[in-house]
Amino acid sequence: MINYNILKTFLTEHFSDKRINEYYIDIIGNMFSNEYIIKLLNEIISEPELLQKIANRSYKHALGFDKIVLLDLQKDIDKSFPKVQVRLHIWQPQNDSVAITEALHEHSFDFVSKVITGKLENQSFIPNELNQIEKQLLDKVLTIIPTLNSETLQNVELNLESILVSLFNFSSF
């Protein structure tokens, strides 16, 4: 478990505050070479207990990709650590069950992505200024959402992307 332990040590020593500054972006990108990833995955599959632990916390993400959490500092090391994870995302666009449309979303955390094969596209959007009617509508929606039952809330969440795009008329830059 040489590579897995090196990874745990590196993360615990460098990301105790859960922030990724620019200094680490190249280091992380270089660290996760394809050769390193292959060695890491080979180590994981050769350890049945570790493989089972990883399988138990892995799932199909709502956006359609397989989310495999290889390492989680809170769960694997100490609950007092911040939520720092190493994940393997497997996107299979040929899968007919995955929606073709993109899902407009944001992240509330720092992360670095390393693409093993294929490509990753990131689009950033700046919402247009809301007029008074749109602001009132948004305030009303934000007031109502916490009062919804789970079934209704789930229906709203399923359609939220198209509602936001049409309501705010997002402009790409």
C-alpha atoms as a PDB file:
ATOM      1  CA  MET A   1       0.000   0.000   0.000  1.00  0.00           C
ATOM      2  CA  ILE A   2       2.888   2.323  -0.737  1.00  0.00           C
ATOM      3  CA  ASN A   3       1.086   4.734  -3.080  1.00  0.00           C
ATOM      4  CA  TYR A   4      -2.136   4.784  -1.048  1.00  0.00           C
ATOM      5  CA  ASN A   5      -0.247   5.570   2.168  1.00  0.00           C
ATOM      6  CA  ILE A   6       1.854   8.247   0.435  1.00  0.00           C
ATOM      7  CA  LEU A   7      -1.374   9.847  -0.778  1.00  0.00           C
ATOM      8  CA  LYS A   8      -2.907   9.800   2.725  1.00  0.00           C
ATOM      9  CA  THR A   9       0.240  11.327   4.205  1.00  0.00           C
ATOM     10  CA  PHE A  10       0.429  14.024   1.528  1.00  0.00           C
ATOM     11  CA  LEU A  11      -3.201  15.039   2.036  1.00  0.00           C
ATOM     12  CA  THR A  12      -3.026  15.095   5.826  1.00  0.00           C
ATOM     13  CA  GLU A  13       0.148  17.208   5.769  1.00  0.00           C
ATOM     14  CA  HIS A  14      -0.940  19.732   3.136  1.00  0.00           C
ATOM     15  CA  PHE A  15      -4.709  20.140   3.285  1.00  0.00           C
ATOM     16  CA  SER A  16      -5.596  20.488   6.934  1.00  0.00           C
ATOM     17  CA  ASP A  17      -7.319  23.797   6.164  1.00  0.00           C
ATOM     18  CA  LYS A  18      -9.209  22.365   3.160  1.00  0.00           C
ATOM     19  CA  ARG A  19      -7.964  25.093   0.800  1.00  0.00           C
ATOM     20  CA  ILE A  20      -6.195  24.470  -2.489  1.00  0.00           C
ATOM     21  CA  ASN A  21      -4.003  27.378  -3.445  1.00  0.00           C
ATOM     22  CA  GLU A  22      -2.360  27.791  -6.845  1.00  0.00           C
ATOM     23  CA  TYR A  23       0.899  26.365  -5.556  1.00  0.00           C
ATOM     24  CA  TYR A  24      -0.694  22.928  -5.213  1.00  0.00           C
ATOM     25  CA  ILE A  25      -2.557  22.787  -8.525  1.00  0.00           C
ATOM     26  CA  ASP A  26       0.518  21.779 -10.565  1.00  0.00           C
ATOM     27  CA  ILE A  27       1.798  19.524  -7.787  1.00  0.00           C
ATOM     28  CA  ILE A  28      -1.491  17.649  -7.637  1.00  0.00           C
ATOM     29  CA  GLY A  29      -1.739  17.508 -11.427  1.00  0.00           C
ATOM     30  CA  ASN A  30       1.775  16.069 -11.704  1.00  0.00           C
ATOM     31  CA  MET A  31       1.297  13.739  -8.752  1.00  0.00           C
ATOM     32  CA  PHE A  32      -1.705  12.123 -10.381  1.00  0.00           C
ATOM     33  CA  SER A  33       0.010  10.946 -13.522  1.00  0.00           C
ATOM     34  CA  ASN A  34      -1.687   8.125 -15.395  1.00  0.00           C
ATOM     35  CA  GLU A  35       1.043   5.756 -14.189  1.00  0.00           C
ATOM     36  CA  TYR A  36       0.470   6.778 -10.560  1.00  0.00           C
ATOM     37  CA  ILE A  37      -3.288   6.337 -10.905  1.00  0.00           C
ATOM     38  CA  ILE A  38      -2.837   2.850 -12.379  1.00  0.00           C
ATOM     39  CA  LYS A  39      -0.508   1.862  -9.510  1.00  0.00           C
ATOM     40  CA  LEU A  40      -2.909   3.318  -6.939  1.00  0.00           C
ATOM     41  CA  LEU A  41      -5.907   1.476  -8.399  1.00  0.00           C
ATOM     42  CA  ASN A  42      -3.927  -1.779  -8.603  1.00  0.00           C
ATOM     43  CA  GLU A  43      -3.059  -1.429  -4.899  1.00  0.00           C
ATOM     44  CA  ILE A  44      -6.691  -0.786  -4.015  1.00  0.00           C
ATOM     45  CA  ILE A  45      -8.039  -3.798  -5.920  1.00  0.00           C
ATOM     46  CA  SER A  46      -5.394  -6.034  -4.329  1.00  0.00           C
ATOM     47  CA  GLU A  47      -6.701  -5.144  -0.827  1.00  0.00           C
ATOM     48  CA  PRO A  48     -10.197  -6.688  -0.434  1.00  0.00           C
ATOM     49  CA  GLU A  49     -11.078  -4.784   2.767  1.00  0.00           C
ATOM     50  CA  LEU A  50     -10.089  -1.414   1.307  1.00  0.00           C
ATOM     51  CA  LEU A  51     -11.851  -2.208  -1.953  1.00  0.00           C
ATOM     52  CA  GLN A  52     -15.043  -3.056  -0.043  1.00  0.00           C
ATOM     53  CA  LYS A  53     -14.817   0.155   2.012  1.00  0.00           C
ATOM     54  CA  ILE A  54     -14.479   2.191  -1.185  1.00  0.00           C
ATOM     55  CA  ALA A  55     -17.323   0.297  -2.868  1.00  0.00           C
ATOM     56  CA  ASN A  56     -19.614   0.940   0.118  1.00  0.00           C
ATOM     57  CA  ARG A  57     -19.202   4.716  -0.140  1.00  0.00           C
ATOM     58  CA  SER A  58     -19.412   4.882  -3.935  1.00  0.00           C
ATOM     59  CA  TYR A  59     -22.593   5.557  -5.905  1.00  0.00           C
ATOM     60  CA  LYS A  60     -24.154   6.875  -9.091  1.00  0.00           C
ATOM     61  CA  HIS A  61     -24.144  10.680  -8.763  1.00  0.00           C
ATOM     62  CA  ALA A  62     -27.310  12.627  -9.586  1.00  0.00           C
ATOM     63  CA  LEU A  63     -25.494  14.175 -12.569  1.00  0.00           C
ATOM     64  CA  GLY A  64     -25.050  10.724 -14.102  1.00  0.00           C
ATOM     65  CA  PHE A  65     -21.455   9.730 -13.376  1.00  0.00           C
ATOM     66  CA  ASP A  66     -20.126   7.014 -11.075  1.00  0.00           C
ATOM     67  CA  LYS A  67     -18.624   8.682  -7.999  1.00  0.00           C
ATOM     68  CA  ILE A  68     -15.955   6.519  -6.386  1.00  0.00           C
ATOM     69  CA  VAL A  69     -14.427   7.989  -3.218  1.00  0.00           C
ATOM     70  CA  LEU A  70     -10.952   6.458  -3.062  1.00  0.00           C
ATOM     71  CA  LEU A  71      -9.837   8.350   0.039  1.00  0.00           C
ATOM     72  CA  ASP A  72     -11.700  10.445   2.604  1.00  0.00           C
ATOM     73  CA  LEU A  73      -9.606  12.030   5.363  1.00  0.00           C
ATOM     74  CA  GLN A  74     -12.542  12.313   7.789  1.00  0.00           C
ATOM     75  CA  LYS A  75     -13.604   8.704   7.381  1.00  0.00           C
ATOM     76  CA  ASP A  76     -10.216   7.091   6.804  1.00  0.00           C
ATOM     77  CA  ILE A  77      -7.981   9.041   9.193  1.00  0.00           C
ATOM     78  CA  ASP A  78      -9.742  11.210  11.761  1.00  0.00           C
ATOM     79  CA  LYS A  79     -13.209  12.783  12.049  1.00  0.00           C
ATOM     80  CA  SER A  80     -11.596  16.075  13.065  1.00  0.00           C
ATOM     81  CA  PHE A  81     -10.039  16.491   9.602  1.00  0.00           C
ATOM     82  CA  PRO A  82     -11.823  18.664   7.045  1.00  0.00           C
ATOM     83  CA  LYS A  83     -13.726  16.930   4.249  1.00  0.00           C
ATOM     84  CA  VAL A  84     -10.827  16.238   1.886  1.00  0.00           C
ATOM     85  CA  GLN A  85     -11.377  13.465  -0.611  1.00  0.00           C
ATOM     86  CA  VAL A  86      -9.778  11.827  -3.617  1.00  0.00           C
ATOM     87  CA  ARG A  87     -12.485  10.754  -6.024  1.00  0.00           C
ATOM     88  CA  LEU A  88     -12.586   8.866  -9.261  1.00  0.00           C
ATOM     89  CA  HIS A  89     -15.469   9.981 -11.472  1.00  0.00           C
ATOM     90  CA  ILE A  90     -16.409   7.731 -14.354  1.00  0.00           C
ATOM     91  CA  TRP A  91     -18.610   9.353 -16.946  1.00  0.00           C
ATOM     92  CA  GLN A  92     -20.086   7.057 -19.564  1.00  0.00           C
ATOM     93  CA  PRO A  93     -21.946   9.274 -22.040  1.00  0.00           C
ATOM     94  CA  GLN A  94     -22.861   6.289 -24.206  1.00  0.00           C
ATOM     95  CA  ASN A  95     -25.121   5.109 -21.366  1.00  0.00           C
ATOM     96  CA  ASP A  96     -28.697   5.774 -22.547  1.00  0.00           C
ATOM     97  CA  SER A  97     -29.930   6.319 -18.977  1.00  0.00           C
ATOM     98  CA  VAL A  98     -27.786   9.459 -18.604  1.00  0.00           C
ATOM     99  CA  ALA A  99     -29.388  12.707 -19.676  1.00  0.00           C
ATOM    100  CA  ILE A 100     -27.671  14.381 -22.609  1.00  0.00           C
ATOM    101  CA  THR A 101     -28.305  17.901 -21.284  1.00  0.00           C
ATOM    102  CA  GLU A 102     -25.774  19.601 -19.081  1.00  0.00           C
ATOM    103  CA  ALA A 103     -26.655  20.280 -15.464  1.00  0.00           C
ATOM    104  CA  LEU A 104     -25.988  23.864 -14.442  1.00  0.00           C
ATOM    105  CA  HIS A 105     -24.520  23.723 -10.941  1.00  0.00           C
ATOM    106  CA  GLU A 106     -21.858  25.167  -8.711  1.00  0.00           C
ATOM    107  CA  HIS A 107     -19.399  23.896  -6.126  1.00  0.00           C
ATOM    108  CA  SER A 108     -18.982  25.347  -2.656  1.00  0.00           C
ATOM    109  CA  PHE A 109     -15.519  23.845  -2.269  1.00  0.00           C
ATOM    110  CA  ASP A 110     -12.106  23.922  -3.921  1.00  0.00           C
ATOM    111  CA  PHE A 111     -11.078  21.029  -6.120  1.00  0.00           C
ATOM    112  CA  VAL A 112      -8.589  19.954  -8.760  1.00  0.00           C
ATOM    113  CA  SER A 113      -9.575  17.680 -11.640  1.00  0.00           C
ATOM    114  CA  LYS A 114      -7.242  15.366 -13.500  1.00  0.00           C
ATOM    115  CA  VAL A 115      -8.686  13.988 -16.722  1.00  0.00           C
ATOM    116  CA  ILE A 116      -7.397  10.487 -17.432  1.00  0.00           C
ATOM    117  CA  THR A 117      -9.140  10.103 -20.762  1.00  0.00           C
ATOM    118  CA  GLY A 118     -11.599  12.262 -22.632  1.00  0.00           C
ATOM    119  CA  LYS A 119     -12.050  15.923 -21.810  1.00  0.00           C
ATOM    120  CA  LEU A 120     -13.507  18.212 -19.200  1.00  0.00           C
ATOM    121  CA  GLU A 121     -15.247  21.433 -20.112  1.00  0.00           C
ATOM    122  CA  ASN A 122     -15.892  24.135 -17.553  1.00  0.00           C
ATOM    123  CA  GLN A 123     -18.254  26.971 -18.306  1.00  0.00           C
ATOM    124  CA  SER A 124     -18.634  29.961 -16.032  1.00  0.00           C
ATOM    125  CA  PHE A 125     -21.739  32.103 -16.044  1.00  0.00           C
ATOM    126  CA  ILE A 126     -22.554  35.536 -14.742  1.00  0.00           C
ATOM    127  CA  PRO A 127     -26.247  36.110 -14.074  1.00  0.00           C
ATOM    128  CA  ASN A 128     -27.790  39.235 -15.536  1.00  0.00           C
ATOM    129  CA  GLU A 129     -29.093  41.802 -13.081  1.00  0.00           C
ATOM    130  CA  LEU A 130     -32.624  41.040 -11.917  1.00  0.00           C
ATOM    131  CA  ASN A 131     -35.356  43.558 -12.435  1.00  0.00           C
ATOM    132  CA  GLN A 132     -37.766  44.325  -9.580  1.00  0.00           C
ATOM    133  CA  ILE A 133     -40.359  41.730 -10.681  1.00  0.00           C
ATOM    134  CA  GLU A 134     -37.696  39.025 -10.972  1.00  0.00           C
ATOM    135  CA  LYS A 135     -36.327  39.910  -7.518  1.00  0.00           C
ATOM    136  CA  GLN A 136     -39.814  39.641  -6.014  1.00  0.00           C
ATOM    137  CA  LEU A 137     -40.349  36.292  -7.737  1.00  0.00           C
ATOM    138  CA  LEU A 138     -37.004  34.987  -6.486  1.00  0.00           C
ATOM    139  CA  ASP A 139     -37.783  36.126  -2.925  1.00  0.00           C
ATOM    140  CA  LYS A 140     -41.134  34.351  -3.115  1.00  0.00           C
ATOM    141  CA  VAL A 141     -39.566  31.137  -4.386  1.00  0.00           C
ATOM    142  CA  LEU A 142     -36.877  31.233  -1.673  1.00  0.00           C
ATOM    143  CA  THR A 143     -39.579  31.715   0.960  1.00  0.00           C
ATOM    144  CA  ILE A 144     -41.725  28.858  -0.336  1.00  0.00           C
ATOM    145  CA  ILE A 145     -39.020  26.231  -0.906  1.00  0.00           C
ATOM    146  CA  PRO A 146     -38.404  25.458   2.814  1.00  0.00           C
ATOM    147  CA  THR A 147     -42.135  24.786   3.278  1.00  0.00           C
ATOM    148  CA  LEU A 148     -42.433  22.168   0.507  1.00  0.00           C
ATOM    149  CA  ASN A 149     -42.890  18.480   1.234  1.00  0.00           C
ATOM    150  CA  SER A 150     -40.153  16.171  -0.008  1.00  0.00           C
ATOM    151  CA  GLU A 151     -42.026  14.947  -3.101  1.00  0.00           C
ATOM    152  CA  THR A 152     -42.826  18.464  -4.277  1.00  0.00           C
ATOM    153  CA  LEU A 153     -39.309  19.633  -3.492  1.00  0.00           C
ATOM    154  CA  GLN A 154     -37.897  16.760  -5.527  1.00  0.00           C
ATOM    155  CA  ASN A 155     -40.070  17.777  -8.493  1.00  0.00           C
ATOM    156  CA  VAL A 156     -38.876  21.378  -8.163  1.00  0.00           C
ATOM    157  CA  GLU A 157     -35.231  20.251  -8.022  1.00  0.00           C
ATOM    158  CA  LEU A 158     -35.682  18.138 -11.156  1.00  0.00           C
ATOM    159  CA  ASN A 159     -36.811  21.200 -13.094  1.00  0.00           C
ATOM    160  CA  LEU A 160     -34.713  23.882 -11.368  1.00  0.00           C
ATOM    161  CA  GLU A 161     -32.032  24.060 -14.042  1.00  0.00           C
ATOM    162  CA  SER A 162     -34.439  24.983 -16.834  1.00  0.00           C
ATOM    163  CA  ILE A 163     -36.279  27.402 -14.536  1.00  0.00           C
ATOM    164  CA  LEU A 164     -33.038  29.202 -13.627  1.00  0.00           C
ATOM    165  CA  VAL A 165     -31.811  29.386 -17.190  1.00  0.00           C
ATOM    166  CA  SER A 166     -35.059  30.868 -18.486  1.00  0.00           C
ATOM    167  CA  LEU A 167     -35.645  33.142 -15.455  1.00  0.00           C
ATOM    168  CA  PHE A 168     -32.154  34.604 -15.206  1.00  0.00           C
ATOM    169  CA  ASN A 169     -31.177  34.398 -18.876  1.00  0.00           C
ATOM    170  CA  PHE A 170     -27.595  33.364 -18.035  1.00  0.00           C
ATOM    171  CA  SER A 171     -24.864  34.759 -20.257  1.00  0.00           C
ATOM    172  CA  SER A 172     -21.658  32.835 -20.778  1.00  0.00           C
ATOM    173  CA  PHE A 173     -18.314  34.665 -20.725  1.00  0.00           C
END
